[in-house]
Amino acid sequence: MTNQKPYDLGERTKLFAKEVIAYQNSLPKTLANAGIRKQLVRSAGSVGANYIEANESFSKKDFALRIKICRKEAKESRYWLELLEVSGSEKEQKRLTLIQETTELLRIFNAIIEKKQ
């Protein structure tokens, strides 16, 4: 992620998904990474998609459910990032940066959930 993170959570989750897509395209095409890369792209994209849905929700209950799904997908993204096989310090550093971003997103979603309860 860039040093200056977007304040808007919708933009931040979109940037996260874009960076995950770019990152996974740079990874070695190993058998182990093949399935992980697909799952990673799906879960990373789902974080932002569900955040959009949360903002369009019809009720507080629906909003809370969508934010919980965002949190779940962020956790899944972090899991897949942790499983990836990477080579080279630059790719490893980017992987760690993306893991840090998922951790920050999880904290944000947790705070939203706690505030709404």
PDB file of N, CA and C in Angstrom:
ATOM      1  N   MET A   1       0.843  -1.164   0.000  1.00  0.00           N
ATOM      2  CA  MET A   1       0.000   0.000   0.000  1.00  0.00           C
ATOM      3  C   MET A   1       0.897   1.237   0.000  1.00  0.00           C
ATOM      4  N   THR A   2       0.351   2.309  -0.457  1.00  0.00           N
ATOM      5  CA  THR A   2       1.101   3.551  -0.468  1.00  0.00           C
ATOM      6  C   THR A   2       1.207   4.093   0.942  1.00  0.00           C
ATOM      7  N   ASN A   3       2.151   5.025   1.146  1.00  0.00           N
ATOM      8  CA  ASN A   3       2.322   5.614   2.474  1.00  0.00           C
ATOM      9  C   ASN A   3       1.086   6.393   2.887  1.00  0.00           C
ATOM     10  N   GLN A   4       0.450   7.081   1.945  1.00  0.00           N
ATOM     11  CA  GLN A   4      -0.759   7.859   2.204  1.00  0.00           C
ATOM     12  C   GLN A   4      -1.968   7.001   1.891  1.00  0.00           C
ATOM     13  N   LYS A   5      -2.612   6.470   2.911  1.00  0.00           N
ATOM     14  CA  LYS A   5      -3.774   5.613   2.700  1.00  0.00           C
ATOM     15  C   LYS A   5      -5.019   6.471   2.564  1.00  0.00           C
ATOM     16  N   PRO A   6      -5.915   6.092   1.648  1.00  0.00           N
ATOM     17  CA  PRO A   6      -7.149   6.869   1.483  1.00  0.00           C
ATOM     18  C   PRO A   6      -7.974   6.867   2.760  1.00  0.00           C
ATOM     19  N   TYR A   7      -8.547   8.021   3.083  1.00  0.00           N
ATOM     20  CA  TYR A   7      -9.417   8.130   4.245  1.00  0.00           C
ATOM     21  C   TYR A   7     -10.733   7.400   3.979  1.00  0.00           C
ATOM     22  N   ASP A   8     -11.215   7.483   2.746  1.00  0.00           N
ATOM     23  CA  ASP A   8     -12.462   6.836   2.356  1.00  0.00           C
ATOM     24  C   ASP A   8     -12.258   5.323   2.332  1.00  0.00           C
ATOM     25  N   LEU A   9     -13.020   4.603   3.134  1.00  0.00           N
ATOM     26  CA  LEU A   9     -12.849   3.153   3.253  1.00  0.00           C
ATOM     27  C   LEU A   9     -13.194   2.426   1.958  1.00  0.00           C
ATOM     28  N   GLY A  10     -14.149   2.952   1.211  1.00  0.00           N
ATOM     29  CA  GLY A  10     -14.478   2.358  -0.083  1.00  0.00           C
ATOM     30  C   GLY A  10     -13.287   2.424  -1.035  1.00  0.00           C
ATOM     31  N   GLU A  11     -12.624   3.561  -1.080  1.00  0.00           N
ATOM     32  CA  GLU A  11     -11.437   3.709  -1.929  1.00  0.00           C
ATOM     33  C   GLU A  11     -10.297   2.839  -1.415  1.00  0.00           C
ATOM     34  N   ARG A  12     -10.162   2.769  -0.119  1.00  0.00           N
ATOM     35  CA  ARG A  12      -9.082   1.974   0.472  1.00  0.00           C
ATOM     36  C   ARG A  12      -9.251   0.493   0.162  1.00  0.00           C
ATOM     37  N   THR A  13     -10.484  -0.002   0.256  1.00  0.00           N
ATOM     38  CA  THR A  13     -10.701  -1.419  -0.038  1.00  0.00           C
ATOM     39  C   THR A  13     -10.521  -1.705  -1.528  1.00  0.00           C
ATOM     40  N   LYS A  14     -10.882  -0.741  -2.379  1.00  0.00           N
ATOM     41  CA  LYS A  14     -10.671  -0.915  -3.817  1.00  0.00           C
ATOM     42  C   LYS A  14      -9.173  -0.930  -4.132  1.00  0.00           C
ATOM     43  N   LEU A  15      -8.425  -0.027  -3.522  1.00  0.00           N
ATOM     44  CA  LEU A  15      -6.974   0.006  -3.719  1.00  0.00           C
ATOM     45  C   LEU A  15      -6.335  -1.294  -3.235  1.00  0.00           C
ATOM     46  N   PHE A  16      -6.820  -1.812  -2.113  1.00  0.00           N
ATOM     47  CA  PHE A  16      -6.308  -3.080  -1.596  1.00  0.00           C
ATOM     48  C   PHE A  16      -6.521  -4.197  -2.624  1.00  0.00           C
ATOM     49  N   ALA A  17      -7.719  -4.282  -3.173  1.00  0.00           N
ATOM     50  CA  ALA A  17      -8.003  -5.321  -4.169  1.00  0.00           C
ATOM     51  C   ALA A  17      -7.116  -5.162  -5.397  1.00  0.00           C
ATOM     52  N   LYS A  18      -6.933  -3.934  -5.865  1.00  0.00           N
ATOM     53  CA  LYS A  18      -6.087  -3.691  -7.034  1.00  0.00           C
ATOM     54  C   LYS A  18      -4.633  -4.086  -6.764  1.00  0.00           C
ATOM     55  N   GLU A  19      -4.162  -3.773  -5.579  1.00  0.00           N
ATOM     56  CA  GLU A  19      -2.783  -4.113  -5.234  1.00  0.00           C
ATOM     57  C   GLU A  19      -2.605  -5.625  -5.085  1.00  0.00           C
ATOM     58  N   VAL A  20      -3.596  -6.300  -4.565  1.00  0.00           N
ATOM     59  CA  VAL A  20      -3.544  -7.766  -4.472  1.00  0.00           C
ATOM     60  C   VAL A  20      -3.502  -8.374  -5.869  1.00  0.00           C
ATOM     61  N   ILE A  21      -4.323  -7.870  -6.779  1.00  0.00           N
ATOM     62  CA  ILE A  21      -4.340  -8.383  -8.149  1.00  0.00           C
ATOM     63  C   ILE A  21      -2.982  -8.186  -8.807  1.00  0.00           C
ATOM     64  N   ALA A  22      -2.420  -6.993  -8.682  1.00  0.00           N
ATOM     65  CA  ALA A  22      -1.103  -6.721  -9.269  1.00  0.00           C
ATOM     66  C   ALA A  22      -0.036  -7.618  -8.639  1.00  0.00           C
ATOM     67  N   TYR A  23      -0.106  -7.777  -7.330  1.00  0.00           N
ATOM     68  CA  TYR A  23       0.874  -8.605  -6.629  1.00  0.00           C
ATOM     69  C   TYR A  23       0.796 -10.060  -7.069  1.00  0.00           C
ATOM     70  N   GLN A  24      -0.395 -10.609  -7.122  1.00  0.00           N
ATOM     71  CA  GLN A  24      -0.517 -12.028  -7.473  1.00  0.00           C
ATOM     72  C   GLN A  24      -0.057 -12.277  -8.899  1.00  0.00           C
ATOM     73  N   ASN A  25      -0.187 -11.274  -9.779  1.00  0.00           N
ATOM     74  CA  ASN A  25       0.307 -11.415 -11.154  1.00  0.00           C
ATOM     75  C   ASN A  25       1.825 -11.496 -11.218  1.00  0.00           C
ATOM     76  N   SER A  26       2.502 -11.006 -10.180  1.00  0.00           N
ATOM     77  CA  SER A  26       3.971 -11.019 -10.165  1.00  0.00           C
ATOM     78  C   SER A  26       4.552 -12.278  -9.526  1.00  0.00           C
ATOM     79  N   LEU A  27       3.691 -13.126  -8.994  1.00  0.00           N
ATOM     80  CA  LEU A  27       4.167 -14.303  -8.259  1.00  0.00           C
ATOM     81  C   LEU A  27       4.568 -15.440  -9.186  1.00  0.00           C
ATOM     82  N   PRO A  28       5.444 -16.312  -8.685  1.00  0.00           N
ATOM     83  CA  PRO A  28       5.817 -17.491  -9.472  1.00  0.00           C
ATOM     84  C   PRO A  28       4.598 -18.368  -9.741  1.00  0.00           C
ATOM     85  N   LYS A  29       4.550 -18.933 -10.898  1.00  0.00           N
ATOM     86  CA  LYS A  29       3.410 -19.757 -11.312  1.00  0.00           C
ATOM     87  C   LYS A  29       3.619 -21.205 -10.849  1.00  0.00           C
ATOM     88  N   THR A  30       3.679 -21.389  -9.542  1.00  0.00           N
ATOM     89  CA  THR A  30       3.857 -22.735  -8.996  1.00  0.00           C
ATOM     90  C   THR A  30       2.491 -23.394  -8.824  1.00  0.00           C
ATOM     91  N   LEU A  31       2.505 -24.701  -8.723  1.00  0.00           N
ATOM     92  CA  LEU A  31       1.270 -25.446  -8.507  1.00  0.00           C
ATOM     93  C   LEU A  31       0.613 -25.030  -7.200  1.00  0.00           C
ATOM     94  N   ALA A  32       1.416 -24.865  -6.164  1.00  0.00           N
ATOM     95  CA  ALA A  32       0.877 -24.478  -4.857  1.00  0.00           C
ATOM     96  C   ALA A  32       0.232 -23.096  -4.914  1.00  0.00           C
ATOM     97  N   ASN A  33       0.853 -22.175  -5.622  1.00  0.00           N
ATOM     98  CA  ASN A  33       0.331 -20.809  -5.682  1.00  0.00           C
ATOM     99  C   ASN A  33      -0.909 -20.677  -6.556  1.00  0.00           C
ATOM    100  N   ALA A  34      -1.105 -21.588  -7.493  1.00  0.00           N
ATOM    101  CA  ALA A  34      -2.200 -21.448  -8.456  1.00  0.00           C
ATOM    102  C   ALA A  34      -3.559 -21.311  -7.765  1.00  0.00           C
ATOM    103  N   GLY A  35      -3.874 -22.230  -6.907  1.00  0.00           N
ATOM    104  CA  GLY A  35      -5.161 -22.188  -6.209  1.00  0.00           C
ATOM    105  C   GLY A  35      -5.233 -21.057  -5.205  1.00  0.00           C
ATOM    106  N   ILE A  36      -4.141 -20.801  -4.532  1.00  0.00           N
ATOM    107  CA  ILE A  36      -4.109 -19.739  -3.528  1.00  0.00           C
ATOM    108  C   ILE A  36      -4.345 -18.383  -4.185  1.00  0.00           C
ATOM    109  N   ARG A  37      -3.727 -18.157  -5.335  1.00  0.00           N
ATOM    110  CA  ARG A  37      -3.868 -16.872  -6.034  1.00  0.00           C
ATOM    111  C   ARG A  37      -5.328 -16.599  -6.392  1.00  0.00           C
ATOM    112  N   LYS A  38      -6.034 -17.616  -6.872  1.00  0.00           N
ATOM    113  CA  LYS A  38      -7.452 -17.438  -7.218  1.00  0.00           C
ATOM    114  C   LYS A  38      -8.268 -17.076  -5.981  1.00  0.00           C
ATOM    115  N   GLN A  39      -8.051 -17.807  -4.912  1.00  0.00           N
ATOM    116  CA  GLN A  39      -8.796 -17.561  -3.674  1.00  0.00           C
ATOM    117  C   GLN A  39      -8.477 -16.169  -3.115  1.00  0.00           C
ATOM    118  N   LEU A  40      -7.212 -15.785  -3.199  1.00  0.00           N
ATOM    119  CA  LEU A  40      -6.780 -14.485  -2.695  1.00  0.00           C
ATOM    120  C   LEU A  40      -7.464 -13.348  -3.440  1.00  0.00           C
ATOM    121  N   VAL A  41      -7.499 -13.434  -4.758  1.00  0.00           N
ATOM    122  CA  VAL A  41      -8.131 -12.386  -5.556  1.00  0.00           C
ATOM    123  C   VAL A  41      -9.624 -12.307  -5.243  1.00  0.00           C
ATOM    124  N   ARG A  42     -10.258 -13.451  -5.095  1.00  0.00           N
ATOM    125  CA  ARG A  42     -11.694 -13.462  -4.774  1.00  0.00           C
ATOM    126  C   ARG A  42     -11.975 -12.815  -3.412  1.00  0.00           C
ATOM    127  N   SER A  43     -11.221 -13.212  -2.411  1.00  0.00           N
ATOM    128  CA  SER A  43     -11.494 -12.677  -1.072  1.00  0.00           C
ATOM    129  C   SER A  43     -11.123 -11.198  -0.969  1.00  0.00           C
ATOM    130  N   ALA A  44     -10.026 -10.793  -1.592  1.00  0.00           N
ATOM    131  CA  ALA A  44      -9.615  -9.385  -1.545  1.00  0.00           C
ATOM    132  C   ALA A  44     -10.645  -8.498  -2.244  1.00  0.00           C
ATOM    133  N   GLY A  45     -11.166  -8.940  -3.369  1.00  0.00           N
ATOM    134  CA  GLY A  45     -12.188  -8.181  -4.071  1.00  0.00           C
ATOM    135  C   GLY A  45     -13.501  -8.149  -3.311  1.00  0.00           C
ATOM    136  N   SER A  46     -13.768  -9.208  -2.598  1.00  0.00           N
ATOM    137  CA  SER A  46     -15.016  -9.309  -1.851  1.00  0.00           C
ATOM    138  C   SER A  46     -15.063  -8.340  -0.672  1.00  0.00           C
ATOM    139  N   VAL A  47     -13.910  -7.979  -0.137  1.00  0.00           N
ATOM    140  CA  VAL A  47     -13.883  -7.013   0.968  1.00  0.00           C
ATOM    141  C   VAL A  47     -14.556  -5.716   0.521  1.00  0.00           C
ATOM    142  N   GLY A  48     -14.096  -5.175  -0.585  1.00  0.00           N
ATOM    143  CA  GLY A  48     -14.645  -3.918  -1.080  1.00  0.00           C
ATOM    144  C   GLY A  48     -16.070  -4.053  -1.587  1.00  0.00           C
ATOM    145  N   ALA A  49     -16.359  -5.150  -2.269  1.00  0.00           N
ATOM    146  CA  ALA A  49     -17.712  -5.351  -2.797  1.00  0.00           C
ATOM    147  C   ALA A  49     -18.734  -5.388  -1.664  1.00  0.00           C
ATOM    148  N   ASN A  50     -18.398  -6.048  -0.586  1.00  0.00           N
ATOM    149  CA  ASN A  50     -19.321  -6.110   0.544  1.00  0.00           C
ATOM    150  C   ASN A  50     -19.392  -4.788   1.296  1.00  0.00           C
ATOM    151  N   TYR A  51     -18.313  -4.014   1.262  1.00  0.00           N
ATOM    152  CA  TYR A  51     -18.366  -2.688   1.872  1.00  0.00           C
ATOM    153  C   TYR A  51     -19.340  -1.793   1.096  1.00  0.00           C
ATOM    154  N   ILE A  52     -19.317  -1.886  -0.220  1.00  0.00           N
ATOM    155  CA  ILE A  52     -20.273  -1.141  -1.047  1.00  0.00           C
ATOM    156  C   ILE A  52     -21.698  -1.572  -0.688  1.00  0.00           C
ATOM    157  N   GLU A  53     -21.902  -2.876  -0.572  1.00  0.00           N
ATOM    158  CA  GLU A  53     -23.225  -3.395  -0.203  1.00  0.00           C
ATOM    159  C   GLU A  53     -23.654  -2.895   1.177  1.00  0.00           C
ATOM    160  N   ALA A  54     -22.711  -2.816   2.099  1.00  0.00           N
ATOM    161  CA  ALA A  54     -23.036  -2.331   3.445  1.00  0.00           C
ATOM    162  C   ALA A  54     -23.544  -0.895   3.381  1.00  0.00           C
ATOM    163  N   ASN A  55     -22.908  -0.093   2.562  1.00  0.00           N
ATOM    164  CA  ASN A  55     -23.315   1.307   2.451  1.00  0.00           C
ATOM    165  C   ASN A  55     -24.655   1.476   1.750  1.00  0.00           C
ATOM    166  N   GLU A  56     -25.100   0.460   1.052  1.00  0.00           N
ATOM    167  CA  GLU A  56     -26.399   0.494   0.376  1.00  0.00           C
ATOM    168  C   GLU A  56     -27.453  -0.334   1.127  1.00  0.00           C
ATOM    169  N   SER A  57     -27.133  -0.716   2.342  1.00  0.00           N
ATOM    170  CA  SER A  57     -28.027  -1.601   3.089  1.00  0.00           C
ATOM    171  C   SER A  57     -29.342  -0.916   3.438  1.00  0.00           C
ATOM    172  N   PHE A  58     -30.347  -1.736   3.680  1.00  0.00           N
ATOM    173  CA  PHE A  58     -31.688  -1.253   3.973  1.00  0.00           C
ATOM    174  C   PHE A  58     -31.949  -1.079   5.467  1.00  0.00           C
ATOM    175  N   SER A  59     -31.110  -1.717   6.274  1.00  0.00           N
ATOM    176  CA  SER A  59     -31.346  -1.654   7.714  1.00  0.00           C
ATOM    177  C   SER A  59     -30.016  -1.722   8.453  1.00  0.00           C
ATOM    178  N   LYS A  60     -30.053  -1.399   9.736  1.00  0.00           N
ATOM    179  CA  LYS A  60     -28.854  -1.489  10.571  1.00  0.00           C
ATOM    180  C   LYS A  60     -28.374  -2.942  10.663  1.00  0.00           C
ATOM    181  N   LYS A  61     -29.325  -3.855  10.717  1.00  0.00           N
ATOM    182  CA  LYS A  61     -28.988  -5.278  10.803  1.00  0.00           C
ATOM    183  C   LYS A  61     -28.269  -5.741   9.532  1.00  0.00           C
ATOM    184  N   ASP A  62     -28.765  -5.320   8.385  1.00  0.00           N
ATOM    185  CA  ASP A  62     -28.139  -5.655   7.105  1.00  0.00           C
ATOM    186  C   ASP A  62     -26.751  -5.033   7.014  1.00  0.00           C
ATOM    187  N   PHE A  63     -26.621  -3.781   7.468  1.00  0.00           N
ATOM    188  CA  PHE A  63     -25.319  -3.113   7.470  1.00  0.00           C
ATOM    189  C   PHE A  63     -24.319  -3.909   8.302  1.00  0.00           C
ATOM    190  N   ALA A  64     -24.728  -4.282   9.519  1.00  0.00           N
ATOM    191  CA  ALA A  64     -23.841  -5.027  10.412  1.00  0.00           C
ATOM    192  C   ALA A  64     -23.430  -6.360   9.796  1.00  0.00           C
ATOM    193  N   LEU A  65     -24.372  -7.046   9.154  1.00  0.00           N
ATOM    194  CA  LEU A  65     -24.068  -8.321   8.504  1.00  0.00           C
ATOM    195  C   LEU A  65     -23.015  -8.128   7.412  1.00  0.00           C
ATOM    196  N   ARG A  66     -23.187  -7.104   6.583  1.00  0.00           N
ATOM    197  CA  ARG A  66     -22.237  -6.852   5.481  1.00  0.00           C
ATOM    198  C   ARG A  66     -20.849  -6.494   6.002  1.00  0.00           C
ATOM    199  N   ILE A  67     -20.788  -5.730   7.067  1.00  0.00           N
ATOM    200  CA  ILE A  67     -19.492  -5.374   7.657  1.00  0.00           C
ATOM    201  C   ILE A  67     -18.827  -6.624   8.236  1.00  0.00           C
ATOM    202  N   LYS A  68     -19.620  -7.506   8.822  1.00  0.00           N
ATOM    203  CA  LYS A  68     -19.063  -8.763   9.329  1.00  0.00           C
ATOM    204  C   LYS A  68     -18.520  -9.617   8.187  1.00  0.00           C
ATOM    205  N   ILE A  69     -19.185  -9.570   7.037  1.00  0.00           N
ATOM    206  CA  ILE A  69     -18.679 -10.293   5.857  1.00  0.00           C
ATOM    207  C   ILE A  69     -17.377  -9.652   5.381  1.00  0.00           C
ATOM    208  N   CYS A  70     -17.296  -8.333   5.408  1.00  0.00           N
ATOM    209  CA  CYS A  70     -16.046  -7.648   5.056  1.00  0.00           C
ATOM    210  C   CYS A  70     -14.911  -8.139   5.946  1.00  0.00           C
ATOM    211  N   ARG A  71     -15.209  -8.215   7.231  1.00  0.00           N
ATOM    212  CA  ARG A  71     -14.201  -8.683   8.190  1.00  0.00           C
ATOM    213  C   ARG A  71     -13.787 -10.120   7.884  1.00  0.00           C
ATOM    214  N   LYS A  72     -14.764 -10.955   7.592  1.00  0.00           N
ATOM    215  CA  LYS A  72     -14.485 -12.363   7.267  1.00  0.00           C
ATOM    216  C   LYS A  72     -13.601 -12.474   6.020  1.00  0.00           C
ATOM    217  N   GLU A  73     -13.918 -11.700   5.001  1.00  0.00           N
ATOM    218  CA  GLU A  73     -13.145 -11.756   3.755  1.00  0.00           C
ATOM    219  C   GLU A  73     -11.740 -11.189   3.945  1.00  0.00           C
ATOM    220  N   ALA A  74     -11.594 -10.193   4.804  1.00  0.00           N
ATOM    221  CA  ALA A  74     -10.257  -9.667   5.105  1.00  0.00           C
ATOM    222  C   ALA A  74      -9.419 -10.726   5.830  1.00  0.00           C
ATOM    223  N   LYS A  75     -10.049 -11.437   6.758  1.00  0.00           N
ATOM    224  CA  LYS A  75      -9.345 -12.524   7.456  1.00  0.00           C
ATOM    225  C   LYS A  75      -8.907 -13.597   6.464  1.00  0.00           C
ATOM    226  N   GLU A  76      -9.799 -13.923   5.538  1.00  0.00           N
ATOM    227  CA  GLU A  76      -9.467 -14.934   4.538  1.00  0.00           C
ATOM    228  C   GLU A  76      -8.328 -14.454   3.640  1.00  0.00           C
ATOM    229  N   SER A  77      -8.353 -13.196   3.252  1.00  0.00           N
ATOM    230  CA  SER A  77      -7.277 -12.649   2.425  1.00  0.00           C
ATOM    231  C   SER A  77      -5.935 -12.757   3.142  1.00  0.00           C
ATOM    232  N   ARG A  78      -5.946 -12.424   4.425  1.00  0.00           N
ATOM    233  CA  ARG A  78      -4.705 -12.517   5.201  1.00  0.00           C
ATOM    234  C   ARG A  78      -4.215 -13.970   5.251  1.00  0.00           C
ATOM    235  N   TYR A  79      -5.133 -14.891   5.419  1.00  0.00           N
ATOM    236  CA  TYR A  79      -4.779 -16.311   5.448  1.00  0.00           C
ATOM    237  C   TYR A  79      -4.081 -16.729   4.146  1.00  0.00           C
ATOM    238  N   TRP A  80      -4.677 -16.374   3.004  1.00  0.00           N
ATOM    239  CA  TRP A  80      -4.091 -16.753   1.718  1.00  0.00           C
ATOM    240  C   TRP A  80      -2.738 -16.074   1.513  1.00  0.00           C
ATOM    241  N   LEU A  81      -2.608 -14.835   1.933  1.00  0.00           N
ATOM    242  CA  LEU A  81      -1.318 -14.148   1.820  1.00  0.00           C
ATOM    243  C   LEU A  81      -0.248 -14.856   2.653  1.00  0.00           C
ATOM    244  N   GLU A  82      -0.639 -15.350   3.799  1.00  0.00           N
ATOM    245  CA  GLU A  82       0.312 -16.060   4.659  1.00  0.00           C
ATOM    246  C   GLU A  82       0.744 -17.391   4.054  1.00  0.00           C
ATOM    247  N   LEU A  83      -0.098 -17.999   3.223  1.00  0.00           N
ATOM    248  CA  LEU A  83       0.226 -19.297   2.630  1.00  0.00           C
ATOM    249  C   LEU A  83       1.057 -19.215   1.344  1.00  0.00           C
ATOM    250  N   LEU A  84       1.081 -18.054   0.719  1.00  0.00           N
ATOM    251  CA  LEU A  84       1.776 -17.927  -0.559  1.00  0.00           C
ATOM    252  C   LEU A  84       3.254 -18.257  -0.470  1.00  0.00           C
ATOM    253  N   GLU A  85       3.751 -18.898  -1.514  1.00  0.00           N
ATOM    254  CA  GLU A  85       5.186 -19.130  -1.656  1.00  0.00           C
ATOM    255  C   GLU A  85       5.750 -17.973  -2.466  1.00  0.00           C
ATOM    256  N   VAL A  86       6.697 -17.241  -1.886  1.00  0.00           N
ATOM    257  CA  VAL A  86       7.305 -16.124  -2.602  1.00  0.00           C
ATOM    258  C   VAL A  86       8.808 -16.296  -2.644  1.00  0.00           C
ATOM    259  N   SER A  87       9.394 -15.685  -3.654  1.00  0.00           N
ATOM    260  CA  SER A  87      10.853 -15.706  -3.757  1.00  0.00           C
ATOM    261  C   SER A  87      11.325 -14.283  -3.962  1.00  0.00           C
ATOM    262  N   GLY A  88      12.359 -13.911  -3.248  1.00  0.00           N
ATOM    263  CA  GLY A  88      12.908 -12.566  -3.366  1.00  0.00           C
ATOM    264  C   GLY A  88      12.410 -11.653  -2.266  1.00  0.00           C
ATOM    265  N   SER A  89      13.311 -10.814  -1.798  1.00  0.00           N
ATOM    266  CA  SER A  89      12.975  -9.944  -0.671  1.00  0.00           C
ATOM    267  C   SER A  89      11.941  -8.884  -1.041  1.00  0.00           C
ATOM    268  N   GLU A  90      11.932  -8.423  -2.295  1.00  0.00           N
ATOM    269  CA  GLU A  90      10.951  -7.406  -2.710  1.00  0.00           C
ATOM    270  C   GLU A  90       9.530  -7.975  -2.666  1.00  0.00           C
ATOM    271  N   LYS A  91       9.363  -9.183  -3.180  1.00  0.00           N
ATOM    272  CA  LYS A  91       8.037  -9.812  -3.163  1.00  0.00           C
ATOM    273  C   LYS A  91       7.610 -10.150  -1.734  1.00  0.00           C
ATOM    274  N   GLU A  92       8.563 -10.566  -0.928  1.00  0.00           N
ATOM    275  CA  GLU A  92       8.253 -10.871   0.473  1.00  0.00           C
ATOM    276  C   GLU A  92       7.847  -9.596   1.210  1.00  0.00           C
ATOM    277  N   GLN A  93       8.537  -8.496   0.955  1.00  0.00           N
ATOM    278  CA  GLN A  93       8.192  -7.231   1.601  1.00  0.00           C
ATOM    279  C   GLN A  93       6.788  -6.786   1.199  1.00  0.00           C
ATOM    280  N   LYS A  94       6.450  -6.931  -0.073  1.00  0.00           N
ATOM    281  CA  LYS A  94       5.108  -6.562  -0.546  1.00  0.00           C
ATOM    282  C   LYS A  94       4.060  -7.450   0.116  1.00  0.00           C
ATOM    283  N   ARG A  95       4.354  -8.741   0.250  1.00  0.00           N
ATOM    284  CA  ARG A  95       3.432  -9.667   0.904  1.00  0.00           C
ATOM    285  C   ARG A  95       3.186  -9.227   2.347  1.00  0.00           C
ATOM    286  N   LEU A  96       4.242  -8.872   3.048  1.00  0.00           N
ATOM    287  CA  LEU A  96       4.108  -8.419   4.437  1.00  0.00           C
ATOM    288  C   LEU A  96       3.324  -7.114   4.532  1.00  0.00           C
ATOM    289  N   THR A  97       3.517  -6.227   3.556  1.00  0.00           N
ATOM    290  CA  THR A  97       2.760  -4.973   3.519  1.00  0.00           C
ATOM    291  C   THR A  97       1.275  -5.251   3.318  1.00  0.00           C
ATOM    292  N   LEU A  98       0.950  -6.185   2.430  1.00  0.00           N
ATOM    293  CA  LEU A  98      -0.456  -6.541   2.207  1.00  0.00           C
ATOM    294  C   LEU A  98      -1.060  -7.216   3.438  1.00  0.00           C
ATOM    295  N   ILE A  99      -0.286  -8.039   4.118  1.00  0.00           N
ATOM    296  CA  ILE A  99      -0.764  -8.657   5.358  1.00  0.00           C
ATOM    297  C   ILE A  99      -1.049  -7.573   6.399  1.00  0.00           C
ATOM    298  N   GLN A 100      -0.178  -6.581   6.478  1.00  0.00           N
ATOM    299  CA  GLN A 100      -0.391  -5.474   7.410  1.00  0.00           C
ATOM    300  C   GLN A 100      -1.676  -4.711   7.068  1.00  0.00           C
ATOM    301  N   GLU A 101      -1.919  -4.507   5.775  1.00  0.00           N
ATOM    302  CA  GLU A 101      -3.145  -3.807   5.367  1.00  0.00           C
ATOM    303  C   GLU A 101      -4.385  -4.615   5.744  1.00  0.00           C
ATOM    304  N   THR A 102      -4.340  -5.928   5.581  1.00  0.00           N
ATOM    305  CA  THR A 102      -5.508  -6.725   5.980  1.00  0.00           C
ATOM    306  C   THR A 102      -5.734  -6.617   7.485  1.00  0.00           C
ATOM    307  N   THR A 103      -4.658  -6.576   8.238  1.00  0.00           N
ATOM    308  CA  THR A 103      -4.769  -6.434   9.688  1.00  0.00           C
ATOM    309  C   THR A 103      -5.407  -5.091  10.047  1.00  0.00           C
ATOM    310  N   GLU A 104      -4.997  -4.032   9.368  1.00  0.00           N
ATOM    311  CA  GLU A 104      -5.582  -2.716   9.617  1.00  0.00           C
ATOM    312  C   GLU A 104      -7.062  -2.687   9.221  1.00  0.00           C
ATOM    313  N   LEU A 105      -7.391  -3.292   8.084  1.00  0.00           N
ATOM    314  CA  LEU A 105      -8.792  -3.357   7.669  1.00  0.00           C
ATOM    315  C   LEU A 105      -9.624  -4.129   8.694  1.00  0.00           C
ATOM    316  N   LEU A 106      -9.072  -5.223   9.214  1.00  0.00           N
ATOM    317  CA  LEU A 106      -9.782  -5.990  10.248  1.00  0.00           C
ATOM    318  C   LEU A 106     -10.068  -5.126  11.466  1.00  0.00           C
ATOM    319  N   ARG A 107      -9.104  -4.338  11.870  1.00  0.00           N
ATOM    320  CA  ARG A 107      -9.302  -3.463  13.035  1.00  0.00           C
ATOM    321  C   ARG A 107     -10.396  -2.431  12.762  1.00  0.00           C
ATOM    322  N   ILE A 108     -10.394  -1.888  11.552  1.00  0.00           N
ATOM    323  CA  ILE A 108     -11.422  -0.914  11.187  1.00  0.00           C
ATOM    324  C   ILE A 108     -12.803  -1.557  11.218  1.00  0.00           C
ATOM    325  N   PHE A 109     -12.923  -2.733  10.590  1.00  0.00           N
ATOM    326  CA  PHE A 109     -14.228  -3.411  10.568  1.00  0.00           C
ATOM    327  C   PHE A 109     -14.661  -3.816  11.972  1.00  0.00           C
ATOM    328  N   ASN A 110     -13.726  -4.252  12.803  1.00  0.00           N
ATOM    329  CA  ASN A 110     -14.064  -4.578  14.199  1.00  0.00           C
ATOM    330  C   ASN A 110     -14.583  -3.351  14.936  1.00  0.00           C
ATOM    331  N   ALA A 111     -13.942  -2.213  14.714  1.00  0.00           N
ATOM    332  CA  ALA A 111     -14.379  -0.979  15.374  1.00  0.00           C
ATOM    333  C   ALA A 111     -15.776  -0.580  14.914  1.00  0.00           C
ATOM    334  N   ILE A 112     -16.059  -0.733  13.638  1.00  0.00           N
ATOM    335  CA  ILE A 112     -17.384  -0.412  13.114  1.00  0.00           C
ATOM    336  C   ILE A 112     -18.434  -1.321  13.752  1.00  0.00           C
ATOM    337  N   ILE A 113     -18.124  -2.617  13.829  1.00  0.00           N
ATOM    338  CA  ILE A 113     -19.053  -3.584  14.413  1.00  0.00           C
ATOM    339  C   ILE A 113     -19.315  -3.245  15.882  1.00  0.00           C
ATOM    340  N   GLU A 114     -18.252  -2.956  16.638  1.00  0.00           N
ATOM    341  CA  GLU A 114     -18.416  -2.637  18.060  1.00  0.00           C
ATOM    342  C   GLU A 114     -19.231  -1.362  18.245  1.00  0.00           C
ATOM    343  N   LYS A 115     -19.011  -0.383  17.401  1.00  0.00           N
ATOM    344  CA  LYS A 115     -19.730   0.896  17.509  1.00  0.00           C
ATOM    345  C   LYS A 115     -21.221   0.720  17.214  1.00  0.00           C
ATOM    346  N   LYS A 116     -21.565  -0.172  16.299  1.00  0.00           N
ATOM    347  CA  LYS A 116     -22.953  -0.358  15.883  1.00  0.00           C
ATOM    348  C   LYS A 116     -23.730  -1.252  16.836  1.00  0.00           C
ATOM    349  N   GLN A 117     -23.057  -1.952  17.740  1.00  0.00           N
ATOM    350  CA  GLN A 117     -23.761  -2.878  18.643  1.00  0.00           C
ATOM    351  C   GLN A 117     -24.257  -2.182  19.877  1.00  0.00           C
TER     352      GLN A 117
END
